[in-house]
């Protein structure tokens, strides 16, 4: 439900992202001395209790936010002030005991709609241009979240229970038998062409 950087005012590159219980999305970033700018959508943008892919981009040249749900643009807005100074603080997520995360990636570039579609349908290699951190949460045990990017910013997990409820099917076409009793009966055709990250 919530992701962000350190809350200390000395870190002027803070950002916060949240999914509210009414299905609205909000994003804000700190630009100096604890002052924030952000965007909040209307309710119902996210369907609760279903797996969703959510992306937020911030273009610091155009000073523009964009929010995507399941690869589709749902909101865009401009802002005035970019973050200035400070240093990067820790990344953390928090929410209710019912929140579930499948994976998380952080970039230092604005992903194009095509790149967002690719990220949504694929596991990343970890060496994509602009990828700062990638945590696919595949450990299944313990209290560590391994960063699969080249930066190796491994995380510590607290108050969390591992499960295998995350979706594992990627692509756009699914062929099934009449009755499915095991995952071996699924044949998947991946039809998303991987873009070149530049």
N, C-alpha and C. Protein backbone atom coordinates (compact mmCIF):
# COMPACT_ATOMS: atom_id res chain seq x y z
N UNK A 1 0.80 -1.20 0.00
CA UNK A 1 0.00 0.00 0.00
C UNK A 1 0.84 1.25 0.00
N UNK A 2 2.04 1.20 0.52
CA UNK A 2 2.82 2.41 0.70
C UNK A 2 4.28 2.10 0.41
N UNK A 3 4.90 2.95 -0.34
CA UNK A 3 6.33 2.79 -0.59
C UNK A 3 6.97 4.16 -0.56
N UNK A 4 8.17 4.25 -0.07
CA UNK A 4 8.79 5.56 -0.02
C UNK A 4 10.23 5.51 0.40
N UNK A 5 10.85 6.69 0.41
CA UNK A 5 12.20 6.84 0.91
C UNK A 5 12.16 7.21 2.37
N UNK A 6 13.34 7.49 2.95
CA UNK A 6 13.43 7.83 4.35
C UNK A 6 12.61 9.07 4.66
N UNK A 7 12.02 9.13 5.85
CA UNK A 7 11.15 10.25 6.20
C UNK A 7 11.89 11.40 6.86
N UNK A 8 13.18 11.28 7.08
CA UNK A 8 13.97 12.35 7.66
C UNK A 8 14.01 13.54 6.71
N UNK A 9 13.80 14.77 7.25
CA UNK A 9 13.78 15.95 6.39
C UNK A 9 15.13 16.26 5.76
N UNK A 10 16.21 15.62 6.26
CA UNK A 10 17.52 15.84 5.64
C UNK A 10 17.60 15.21 4.27
N UNK A 11 16.68 14.26 3.97
CA UNK A 11 16.67 13.61 2.68
C UNK A 11 15.65 14.33 1.79
N UNK A 12 16.13 15.18 0.89
CA UNK A 12 15.22 15.96 0.06
C UNK A 12 14.89 15.27 -1.25
N UNK A 13 15.15 13.97 -1.34
CA UNK A 13 14.74 13.21 -2.52
C UNK A 13 13.67 12.19 -2.13
N UNK A 14 12.99 12.44 -1.00
CA UNK A 14 11.93 11.53 -0.56
C UNK A 14 10.82 11.41 -1.60
N UNK A 15 10.19 10.26 -1.64
CA UNK A 15 8.98 10.09 -2.44
C UNK A 15 8.09 9.10 -1.73
N UNK A 16 6.81 9.22 -1.95
CA UNK A 16 5.83 8.33 -1.34
C UNK A 16 4.82 7.90 -2.39
N UNK A 17 4.45 6.64 -2.34
CA UNK A 17 3.44 6.12 -3.25
C UNK A 17 2.50 5.25 -2.44
N UNK A 18 1.19 5.42 -2.64
CA UNK A 18 0.24 4.68 -1.82
C UNK A 18 -0.99 4.28 -2.63
N UNK A 19 -1.47 3.07 -2.34
CA UNK A 19 -2.77 2.60 -2.82
C UNK A 19 -3.71 2.67 -1.63
N UNK A 20 -4.76 3.48 -1.71
CA UNK A 20 -5.70 3.64 -0.61
C UNK A 20 -6.79 2.58 -0.67
N UNK A 21 -7.51 2.43 0.43
CA UNK A 21 -8.54 1.38 0.52
C UNK A 21 -9.70 1.62 -0.44
N UNK A 22 -9.86 2.86 -0.96
CA UNK A 22 -10.93 3.13 -1.93
C UNK A 22 -10.48 2.90 -3.37
N UNK A 23 -9.26 2.37 -3.55
CA UNK A 23 -8.75 2.10 -4.88
C UNK A 23 -8.11 3.28 -5.57
N UNK A 24 -7.88 4.37 -4.84
CA UNK A 24 -7.20 5.53 -5.43
C UNK A 24 -5.69 5.38 -5.27
N UNK A 25 -4.96 6.05 -6.12
CA UNK A 25 -3.50 6.07 -6.07
C UNK A 25 -3.03 7.47 -5.73
N UNK A 26 -1.97 7.55 -4.97
CA UNK A 26 -1.38 8.86 -4.71
C UNK A 26 0.13 8.75 -4.75
N UNK A 27 0.76 9.81 -5.19
CA UNK A 27 2.21 9.91 -5.27
C UNK A 27 2.61 11.32 -4.87
N UNK A 28 3.68 11.44 -4.11
CA UNK A 28 4.24 12.77 -3.85
C UNK A 28 5.74 12.65 -3.64
N UNK A 29 6.43 13.76 -3.88
CA UNK A 29 7.86 13.80 -3.60
C UNK A 29 8.17 15.08 -2.83
N UNK A 30 9.20 14.99 -2.01
CA UNK A 30 9.66 16.15 -1.24
C UNK A 30 10.65 16.93 -2.08
N UNK A 31 10.56 18.24 -2.07
CA UNK A 31 11.51 19.02 -2.86
C UNK A 31 12.41 19.90 -2.01
N UNK A 32 12.02 20.28 -0.81
CA UNK A 32 12.92 20.99 0.09
C UNK A 32 12.25 21.15 1.45
N UNK A 33 13.02 20.92 2.50
CA UNK A 33 12.55 21.21 3.84
C UNK A 33 11.23 20.59 4.24
N UNK A 34 10.90 19.44 3.67
CA UNK A 34 9.67 18.77 4.06
C UNK A 34 8.44 19.16 3.27
N UNK A 35 8.59 20.03 2.25
CA UNK A 35 7.45 20.41 1.42
C UNK A 35 7.27 19.41 0.28
N UNK A 36 6.04 19.03 0.01
CA UNK A 36 5.77 17.98 -0.97
C UNK A 36 4.88 18.48 -2.10
N UNK A 37 5.05 17.85 -3.25
CA UNK A 37 4.12 18.02 -4.37
C UNK A 37 3.68 16.63 -4.79
N UNK A 38 2.43 16.52 -5.26
CA UNK A 38 1.99 15.18 -5.63
C UNK A 38 0.71 15.16 -6.42
N UNK A 39 0.22 13.95 -6.59
CA UNK A 39 -0.96 13.69 -7.41
C UNK A 39 -1.76 12.59 -6.74
N UNK A 40 -3.07 12.75 -6.66
CA UNK A 40 -3.97 11.71 -6.17
C UNK A 40 -5.08 11.50 -7.18
N UNK A 41 -5.32 10.26 -7.54
CA UNK A 41 -6.39 9.95 -8.48
C UNK A 41 -7.72 9.84 -7.75
N UNK A 42 -8.79 9.70 -8.50
CA UNK A 42 -10.08 9.41 -7.92
C UNK A 42 -10.15 7.97 -7.46
N UNK A 43 -11.21 7.60 -6.74
CA UNK A 43 -11.35 6.22 -6.27
C UNK A 43 -11.61 5.24 -7.41
N UNK A 44 -11.32 3.97 -7.15
CA UNK A 44 -11.65 2.92 -8.09
C UNK A 44 -10.67 2.73 -9.22
N UNK A 45 -9.54 3.43 -9.20
CA UNK A 45 -8.53 3.24 -10.25
C UNK A 45 -7.92 1.85 -10.15
N UNK A 46 -7.74 1.38 -8.94
CA UNK A 46 -7.24 0.04 -8.68
C UNK A 46 -8.40 -0.82 -8.17
N UNK A 47 -8.53 -2.03 -8.72
CA UNK A 47 -9.54 -2.98 -8.24
C UNK A 47 -8.95 -3.70 -7.04
N UNK A 48 -9.56 -3.54 -5.90
CA UNK A 48 -9.03 -4.13 -4.68
C UNK A 48 -9.18 -5.65 -4.70
N UNK A 49 -8.27 -6.32 -3.99
CA UNK A 49 -8.27 -7.77 -3.82
C UNK A 49 -8.02 -8.52 -5.13
N UNK A 50 -7.40 -7.86 -6.09
CA UNK A 50 -6.95 -8.50 -7.32
C UNK A 50 -5.52 -8.06 -7.58
N UNK A 51 -4.73 -8.96 -8.19
CA UNK A 51 -3.36 -8.58 -8.55
C UNK A 51 -3.39 -7.51 -9.62
N UNK A 52 -2.62 -6.45 -9.41
CA UNK A 52 -2.52 -5.35 -10.35
C UNK A 52 -1.04 -5.02 -10.58
N UNK A 53 -0.73 -4.52 -11.76
CA UNK A 53 0.61 -3.99 -12.01
C UNK A 53 0.49 -2.47 -12.01
N UNK A 54 1.22 -1.82 -11.12
CA UNK A 54 1.12 -0.36 -10.96
C UNK A 54 2.48 0.27 -11.23
N UNK A 55 2.50 1.30 -12.07
CA UNK A 55 3.73 2.03 -12.38
C UNK A 55 3.49 3.52 -12.21
N UNK A 56 4.50 4.19 -11.70
CA UNK A 56 4.48 5.65 -11.62
C UNK A 56 5.78 6.15 -12.25
N UNK A 57 5.67 7.10 -13.17
CA UNK A 57 6.86 7.72 -13.74
C UNK A 57 6.88 9.19 -13.37
N UNK A 58 8.08 9.72 -13.22
CA UNK A 58 8.25 11.16 -12.97
C UNK A 58 9.31 11.68 -13.92
N UNK A 59 8.94 12.56 -14.82
CA UNK A 59 9.85 13.16 -15.78
C UNK A 59 10.31 14.50 -15.20
N UNK A 60 11.57 14.57 -14.75
CA UNK A 60 12.06 15.78 -14.10
C UNK A 60 12.36 16.91 -15.09
N UNK A 61 12.43 16.59 -16.39
CA UNK A 61 12.61 17.64 -17.40
C UNK A 61 11.28 18.30 -17.74
N UNK A 62 10.27 17.47 -18.03
CA UNK A 62 8.94 18.00 -18.33
C UNK A 62 8.14 18.32 -17.06
N UNK A 63 8.65 17.89 -15.90
CA UNK A 63 7.97 18.03 -14.62
C UNK A 63 6.56 17.46 -14.72
N UNK A 64 6.52 16.16 -15.02
CA UNK A 64 5.25 15.49 -15.27
C UNK A 64 5.22 14.12 -14.60
N UNK A 65 4.10 13.82 -13.94
CA UNK A 65 3.85 12.49 -13.41
C UNK A 65 2.94 11.73 -14.37
N UNK A 66 3.13 10.41 -14.41
CA UNK A 66 2.17 9.54 -15.09
C UNK A 66 1.97 8.28 -14.25
N UNK A 67 0.73 7.84 -14.15
CA UNK A 67 0.40 6.62 -13.43
C UNK A 67 -0.22 5.62 -14.38
N UNK A 68 0.23 4.38 -14.28
CA UNK A 68 -0.26 3.30 -15.13
C UNK A 68 -0.78 2.17 -14.25
N UNK A 69 -1.90 1.60 -14.62
CA UNK A 69 -2.41 0.40 -13.97
C UNK A 69 -2.57 -0.67 -15.04
N UNK A 70 -1.92 -1.80 -14.83
CA UNK A 70 -1.92 -2.90 -15.80
C UNK A 70 -1.50 -2.42 -17.20
N UNK A 71 -0.52 -1.54 -17.22
CA UNK A 71 0.04 -1.07 -18.48
C UNK A 71 -0.72 0.04 -19.17
N UNK A 72 -1.84 0.47 -18.59
CA UNK A 72 -2.65 1.52 -19.21
C UNK A 72 -2.53 2.81 -18.41
N UNK A 73 -2.36 3.91 -19.12
CA UNK A 73 -2.25 5.22 -18.48
C UNK A 73 -3.59 5.59 -17.83
N UNK A 74 -3.57 5.89 -16.53
CA UNK A 74 -4.80 6.23 -15.83
C UNK A 74 -4.82 7.66 -15.33
N UNK A 75 -3.64 8.31 -15.23
CA UNK A 75 -3.62 9.68 -14.75
C UNK A 75 -2.30 10.33 -15.12
N UNK A 76 -2.35 11.63 -15.39
CA UNK A 76 -1.14 12.39 -15.66
C UNK A 76 -1.31 13.79 -15.07
N UNK A 77 -0.21 14.37 -14.63
CA UNK A 77 -0.27 15.69 -14.03
C UNK A 77 1.11 16.33 -14.08
N UNK A 78 1.15 17.64 -14.04
CA UNK A 78 2.42 18.35 -13.98
C UNK A 78 2.66 18.86 -12.56
N UNK A 79 3.90 19.21 -12.28
CA UNK A 79 4.25 19.76 -10.98
C UNK A 79 5.23 20.90 -11.17
N UNK A 80 5.63 21.58 -10.10
CA UNK A 80 6.46 22.78 -10.19
C UNK A 80 7.90 22.53 -9.77
N UNK A 81 8.11 21.87 -8.64
CA UNK A 81 9.43 21.79 -8.03
C UNK A 81 10.02 20.39 -8.07
N UNK A 82 11.24 20.27 -8.58
CA UNK A 82 11.97 19.03 -8.52
C UNK A 82 12.70 18.91 -7.19
N UNK A 83 13.00 17.69 -6.73
CA UNK A 83 13.83 17.54 -5.53
C UNK A 83 15.18 18.19 -5.73
N UNK A 84 15.72 18.82 -4.67
CA UNK A 84 17.01 19.50 -4.73
C UNK A 84 17.85 19.04 -3.55
N UNK A 85 19.09 18.63 -3.82
CA UNK A 85 20.02 18.29 -2.75
C UNK A 85 19.63 17.02 -2.03
N UNK A 86 20.21 16.84 -0.84
CA UNK A 86 19.93 15.67 -0.04
C UNK A 86 20.67 14.45 -0.57
N UNK A 87 20.41 13.32 0.07
CA UNK A 87 20.99 12.06 -0.35
C UNK A 87 19.93 10.99 -0.26
N UNK A 88 20.13 9.91 -0.98
CA UNK A 88 19.13 8.86 -1.06
C UNK A 88 19.03 8.12 0.26
N UNK A 89 17.83 8.07 0.83
CA UNK A 89 17.60 7.33 2.07
C UNK A 89 17.11 5.93 1.77
N UNK A 90 16.82 5.17 2.83
CA UNK A 90 16.37 3.79 2.64
C UNK A 90 15.00 3.74 1.97
N UNK A 91 14.76 2.66 1.26
CA UNK A 91 13.46 2.39 0.65
C UNK A 91 12.69 1.49 1.59
N UNK A 92 11.40 1.78 1.77
CA UNK A 92 10.61 0.90 2.61
C UNK A 92 9.19 0.84 2.09
N UNK A 93 8.51 -0.25 2.43
CA UNK A 93 7.10 -0.38 2.12
C UNK A 93 6.37 -0.73 3.40
N UNK A 94 5.11 -0.34 3.46
CA UNK A 94 4.30 -0.69 4.62
C UNK A 94 2.85 -0.71 4.22
N UNK A 95 2.02 -1.33 5.05
CA UNK A 95 0.59 -1.39 4.76
C UNK A 95 -0.08 -2.32 5.74
N UNK A 96 -1.28 -2.74 5.41
CA UNK A 96 -2.01 -3.63 6.31
C UNK A 96 -1.50 -5.06 6.17
N UNK A 97 -1.98 -5.92 7.06
CA UNK A 97 -1.51 -7.31 7.05
C UNK A 97 -2.02 -8.06 5.83
N UNK A 98 -2.93 -7.48 5.06
CA UNK A 98 -3.48 -8.16 3.89
C UNK A 98 -2.79 -7.77 2.60
N UNK A 99 -1.85 -6.85 2.65
CA UNK A 99 -1.15 -6.42 1.44
C UNK A 99 -0.22 -7.52 0.96
N UNK A 100 -0.14 -7.68 -0.36
CA UNK A 100 0.77 -8.66 -0.95
C UNK A 100 1.53 -7.99 -2.09
N UNK A 101 2.82 -8.30 -2.19
CA UNK A 101 3.68 -7.76 -3.24
C UNK A 101 4.29 -8.92 -4.01
N UNK A 102 4.29 -8.81 -5.32
CA UNK A 102 4.92 -9.83 -6.14
C UNK A 102 6.36 -9.45 -6.48
N UNK A 103 6.58 -8.20 -6.87
CA UNK A 103 7.93 -7.73 -7.15
C UNK A 103 7.92 -6.21 -7.17
N UNK A 104 9.12 -5.63 -7.11
CA UNK A 104 9.26 -4.17 -7.07
C UNK A 104 10.51 -3.81 -7.84
N UNK A 105 10.41 -2.80 -8.72
CA UNK A 105 11.60 -2.32 -9.43
C UNK A 105 11.66 -0.80 -9.35
N UNK A 106 12.86 -0.28 -9.33
CA UNK A 106 13.11 1.15 -9.22
C UNK A 106 14.06 1.55 -10.33
N UNK A 107 13.73 2.65 -11.02
CA UNK A 107 14.49 3.07 -12.19
C UNK A 107 14.93 4.52 -12.04
N UNK A 108 16.04 4.90 -12.74
CA UNK A 108 16.44 6.30 -12.77
C UNK A 108 16.20 6.90 -14.15
N UNK A 109 15.25 6.33 -14.87
CA UNK A 109 14.82 6.84 -16.17
C UNK A 109 13.31 6.73 -16.24
N UNK A 110 12.72 7.49 -17.15
CA UNK A 110 11.28 7.43 -17.37
C UNK A 110 11.00 6.30 -18.35
N UNK A 111 10.33 5.27 -17.90
CA UNK A 111 9.99 4.16 -18.79
C UNK A 111 8.92 4.59 -19.78
N UNK A 112 9.08 4.14 -21.02
CA UNK A 112 8.07 4.39 -22.05
C UNK A 112 6.89 3.45 -21.83
N UNK A 113 5.73 3.73 -22.43
CA UNK A 113 4.61 2.78 -22.32
C UNK A 113 4.99 1.37 -22.79
N UNK A 114 5.80 1.26 -23.85
CA UNK A 114 6.22 -0.05 -24.33
C UNK A 114 7.08 -0.76 -23.28
N UNK A 115 7.99 -0.02 -22.63
CA UNK A 115 8.83 -0.63 -21.60
C UNK A 115 8.00 -1.07 -20.40
N UNK A 116 7.01 -0.28 -20.04
CA UNK A 116 6.13 -0.66 -18.93
C UNK A 116 5.38 -1.94 -19.27
N UNK A 117 4.91 -2.07 -20.50
CA UNK A 117 4.25 -3.30 -20.93
C UNK A 117 5.19 -4.50 -20.79
N UNK A 118 6.45 -4.30 -21.16
CA UNK A 118 7.42 -5.39 -21.07
C UNK A 118 7.69 -5.76 -19.61
N UNK A 119 7.89 -4.75 -18.76
CA UNK A 119 8.14 -5.00 -17.34
C UNK A 119 6.97 -5.76 -16.72
N UNK A 120 5.76 -5.41 -17.14
CA UNK A 120 4.56 -6.02 -16.58
C UNK A 120 4.46 -7.50 -16.94
N UNK A 121 4.94 -7.90 -18.11
CA UNK A 121 4.78 -9.26 -18.61
C UNK A 121 6.02 -10.11 -18.50
N UNK A 122 7.08 -9.61 -17.89
CA UNK A 122 8.35 -10.34 -17.91
C UNK A 122 9.10 -10.17 -16.60
N UNK A 123 9.91 -11.16 -16.30
CA UNK A 123 10.90 -10.99 -15.24
C UNK A 123 12.09 -10.27 -15.86
N UNK A 124 12.63 -9.30 -15.15
CA UNK A 124 13.76 -8.55 -15.66
C UNK A 124 15.04 -9.37 -15.55
N UNK A 125 16.02 -9.04 -16.39
CA UNK A 125 17.33 -9.70 -16.33
C UNK A 125 18.18 -9.13 -15.21
N UNK A 126 17.96 -7.86 -14.86
CA UNK A 126 18.73 -7.20 -13.82
C UNK A 126 19.78 -6.26 -14.34
N UNK A 127 20.06 -6.32 -15.65
CA UNK A 127 21.08 -5.45 -16.23
C UNK A 127 20.50 -4.43 -17.20
N UNK A 128 19.18 -4.20 -17.15
CA UNK A 128 18.55 -3.23 -18.05
C UNK A 128 19.07 -1.81 -17.76
N UNK A 129 19.26 -1.04 -18.82
CA UNK A 129 19.73 0.34 -18.67
C UNK A 129 18.75 1.13 -17.83
N UNK A 130 19.26 1.82 -16.81
CA UNK A 130 18.42 2.65 -15.96
C UNK A 130 17.83 1.94 -14.76
N UNK A 131 18.01 0.62 -14.67
CA UNK A 131 17.45 -0.13 -13.54
C UNK A 131 18.31 0.10 -12.30
N UNK A 132 17.71 0.65 -11.26
CA UNK A 132 18.42 0.95 -10.02
C UNK A 132 18.29 -0.19 -9.02
N UNK A 133 17.12 -0.80 -8.97
CA UNK A 133 16.91 -1.91 -8.05
C UNK A 133 15.77 -2.80 -8.53
N UNK A 134 15.90 -4.11 -8.29
CA UNK A 134 14.88 -5.06 -8.71
C UNK A 134 14.77 -6.17 -7.67
N UNK A 135 13.62 -6.21 -7.01
CA UNK A 135 13.37 -7.18 -5.96
C UNK A 135 12.19 -8.06 -6.37
N UNK A 136 12.43 -9.25 -6.92
CA UNK A 136 11.32 -10.12 -7.36
C UNK A 136 10.69 -10.93 -6.23
N UNK A 137 11.24 -10.84 -5.01
CA UNK A 137 10.66 -11.51 -3.84
C UNK A 137 10.44 -13.01 -4.09
N UNK A 138 11.46 -13.68 -4.58
CA UNK A 138 11.35 -15.11 -4.88
C UNK A 138 12.00 -15.99 -3.82
N UNK A 139 12.51 -15.39 -2.74
CA UNK A 139 13.24 -16.18 -1.75
C UNK A 139 12.34 -17.25 -1.11
N UNK A 140 11.15 -16.85 -0.71
CA UNK A 140 10.20 -17.80 -0.14
C UNK A 140 10.44 -18.18 1.30
N UNK A 141 11.57 -17.74 1.86
CA UNK A 141 11.90 -18.07 3.24
C UNK A 141 12.91 -17.04 3.74
N UNK A 142 12.92 -16.83 5.05
CA UNK A 142 13.90 -15.91 5.63
C UNK A 142 13.41 -14.48 5.65
N UNK A 143 14.34 -13.56 5.97
CA UNK A 143 13.97 -12.15 6.10
C UNK A 143 14.77 -11.24 5.18
N UNK A 144 15.26 -11.79 4.07
CA UNK A 144 16.03 -11.00 3.11
C UNK A 144 15.30 -10.92 1.77
N UNK A 145 15.39 -9.76 1.14
CA UNK A 145 14.89 -9.57 -0.22
C UNK A 145 16.08 -9.20 -1.09
N UNK A 146 16.44 -10.08 -2.00
CA UNK A 146 17.64 -9.90 -2.81
C UNK A 146 17.38 -8.96 -3.96
N UNK A 147 18.26 -7.97 -4.11
CA UNK A 147 18.20 -7.06 -5.25
C UNK A 147 18.89 -7.73 -6.43
N UNK A 148 18.14 -7.99 -7.49
CA UNK A 148 18.69 -8.66 -8.67
C UNK A 148 19.24 -7.69 -9.70
N UNK A 149 19.33 -6.40 -9.35
CA UNK A 149 19.99 -5.46 -10.25
C UNK A 149 21.49 -5.51 -9.97
N UNK A 150 22.26 -4.78 -10.77
CA UNK A 150 23.71 -4.77 -10.60
C UNK A 150 24.14 -4.00 -9.36
N UNK A 151 23.20 -3.28 -8.70
CA UNK A 151 23.55 -2.49 -7.52
C UNK A 151 23.53 -3.29 -6.23
N UNK A 152 22.89 -4.45 -6.24
CA UNK A 152 22.89 -5.36 -5.08
C UNK A 152 22.49 -4.68 -3.78
N UNK A 153 21.40 -3.93 -3.81
CA UNK A 153 20.88 -3.28 -2.61
C UNK A 153 19.86 -4.21 -1.95
N UNK A 154 20.36 -5.23 -1.28
CA UNK A 154 19.48 -6.21 -0.66
C UNK A 154 18.72 -5.59 0.50
N UNK A 155 17.49 -6.07 0.70
CA UNK A 155 16.64 -5.52 1.74
C UNK A 155 16.38 -6.51 2.86
N UNK A 156 15.87 -5.98 3.97
CA UNK A 156 15.47 -6.79 5.11
C UNK A 156 13.96 -6.76 5.24
N UNK A 157 13.35 -7.91 5.38
CA UNK A 157 11.90 -8.03 5.47
C UNK A 157 11.52 -8.28 6.92
N UNK A 158 10.54 -7.53 7.41
CA UNK A 158 10.06 -7.73 8.78
C UNK A 158 8.55 -7.87 8.78
N UNK A 159 8.04 -8.59 9.75
CA UNK A 159 6.59 -8.76 9.94
C UNK A 159 5.89 -9.19 8.66
N UNK A 160 6.46 -10.16 7.97
CA UNK A 160 5.94 -10.60 6.68
C UNK A 160 5.86 -12.12 6.64
N UNK A 161 4.84 -12.63 6.00
CA UNK A 161 4.69 -14.06 5.79
C UNK A 161 4.83 -14.34 4.30
N UNK A 162 5.74 -15.22 3.92
CA UNK A 162 5.91 -15.60 2.52
C UNK A 162 4.72 -16.46 2.08
N UNK A 163 4.30 -16.30 0.83
CA UNK A 163 3.31 -17.21 0.26
C UNK A 163 3.59 -17.38 -1.22
N UNK A 164 2.84 -18.25 -1.87
CA UNK A 164 3.02 -18.49 -3.31
C UNK A 164 1.76 -18.08 -4.06
N UNK A 165 1.11 -16.99 -3.61
CA UNK A 165 -0.12 -16.53 -4.25
C UNK A 165 0.11 -15.62 -5.44
N UNK A 166 1.33 -15.21 -5.68
CA UNK A 166 1.60 -14.25 -6.75
C UNK A 166 1.34 -14.87 -8.12
N UNK A 167 0.87 -14.08 -9.07
CA UNK A 167 0.65 -14.61 -10.42
C UNK A 167 1.97 -14.99 -11.07
N UNK A 168 1.98 -16.10 -11.79
CA UNK A 168 3.21 -16.56 -12.45
C UNK A 168 3.03 -16.68 -13.95
N UNK A 169 1.89 -16.25 -14.46
CA UNK A 169 1.61 -16.38 -15.89
C UNK A 169 1.88 -15.06 -16.57
N UNK A 170 2.71 -15.09 -17.60
CA UNK A 170 3.04 -13.89 -18.36
C UNK A 170 2.67 -14.10 -19.81
N UNK A 171 2.44 -13.04 -20.52
CA UNK A 171 2.07 -13.14 -21.92
C UNK A 171 0.60 -12.80 -22.11
N UNK A 172 0.12 -12.93 -23.33
CA UNK A 172 -1.24 -12.49 -23.63
C UNK A 172 -2.16 -13.60 -24.08
N UNK A 173 -1.63 -14.77 -24.43
CA UNK A 173 -2.48 -15.88 -24.87
C UNK A 173 -2.29 -17.07 -23.95
N UNK A 174 -3.39 -17.62 -23.49
CA UNK A 174 -3.33 -18.79 -22.62
C UNK A 174 -4.21 -19.88 -23.22
N UNK A 175 -3.63 -21.06 -23.45
CA UNK A 175 -4.37 -22.19 -23.99
C UNK A 175 -4.53 -23.24 -22.90
N UNK A 176 -5.70 -23.73 -22.67
CA UNK A 176 -5.91 -24.68 -21.60
C UNK A 176 -6.67 -25.89 -22.11
N UNK A 177 -6.61 -26.97 -21.34
CA UNK A 177 -7.48 -28.11 -21.58
C UNK A 177 -8.84 -27.78 -20.99
N UNK A 178 -9.82 -28.65 -21.19
CA UNK A 178 -11.16 -28.37 -20.66
C UNK A 178 -11.16 -28.30 -19.14
N UNK A 179 -10.42 -29.18 -18.50
CA UNK A 179 -10.34 -29.20 -17.05
C UNK A 179 -8.88 -29.12 -16.65
N UNK A 180 -8.55 -28.14 -15.81
CA UNK A 180 -7.16 -27.96 -15.40
C UNK A 180 -6.99 -28.51 -14.00
N UNK A 181 -6.09 -29.47 -13.84
CA UNK A 181 -5.82 -30.02 -12.52
C UNK A 181 -4.41 -29.74 -12.05
N UNK A 182 -3.57 -29.25 -12.95
CA UNK A 182 -2.21 -28.91 -12.54
C UNK A 182 -1.65 -27.88 -13.50
N UNK A 183 -0.60 -27.19 -13.05
CA UNK A 183 0.01 -26.15 -13.88
C UNK A 183 0.64 -26.72 -15.13
N UNK A 184 0.95 -28.03 -15.13
CA UNK A 184 1.58 -28.63 -16.31
C UNK A 184 0.63 -28.67 -17.50
N UNK A 185 -0.67 -28.46 -17.27
CA UNK A 185 -1.62 -28.50 -18.37
C UNK A 185 -1.75 -27.16 -19.08
N UNK A 186 -0.99 -26.17 -18.62
CA UNK A 186 -1.05 -24.85 -19.26
C UNK A 186 0.09 -24.72 -20.27
N UNK A 187 -0.22 -24.22 -21.45
CA UNK A 187 0.78 -23.90 -22.45
C UNK A 187 0.66 -22.41 -22.74
N UNK A 188 1.74 -21.69 -22.54
CA UNK A 188 1.70 -20.24 -22.66
C UNK A 188 2.43 -19.78 -23.91
N UNK A 189 1.87 -18.77 -24.54
CA UNK A 189 2.53 -18.15 -25.68
C UNK A 189 2.80 -16.70 -25.34
N UNK A 190 4.06 -16.35 -25.27
CA UNK A 190 4.43 -14.98 -24.92
C UNK A 190 4.48 -14.15 -26.19
N UNK A 191 3.69 -13.10 -26.23
CA UNK A 191 3.58 -12.32 -27.46
C UNK A 191 4.07 -10.87 -27.28
N UNK A 192 4.74 -10.58 -26.18
CA UNK A 192 5.25 -9.24 -25.93
C UNK A 192 6.70 -9.18 -26.41
N UNK A 193 7.00 -8.26 -27.28
CA UNK A 193 8.37 -8.08 -27.76
C UNK A 193 9.14 -7.21 -26.81
N UNK A 194 10.28 -7.69 -26.36
CA UNK A 194 11.08 -6.93 -25.40
C UNK A 194 11.65 -5.69 -26.07
N UNK A 195 11.47 -4.52 -25.44
CA UNK A 195 12.05 -3.29 -26.02
C UNK A 195 13.52 -3.18 -25.71
N UNK A 196 14.19 -2.25 -26.33
CA UNK A 196 15.57 -1.92 -26.00
C UNK A 196 15.56 -0.78 -25.02
N UNK A 197 16.11 -0.98 -23.83
CA UNK A 197 16.15 0.06 -22.80
C UNK A 197 17.30 1.01 -23.13
N UNK A 198 16.98 2.27 -23.27
CA UNK A 198 18.03 3.24 -23.65
C UNK A 198 18.10 4.38 -22.67
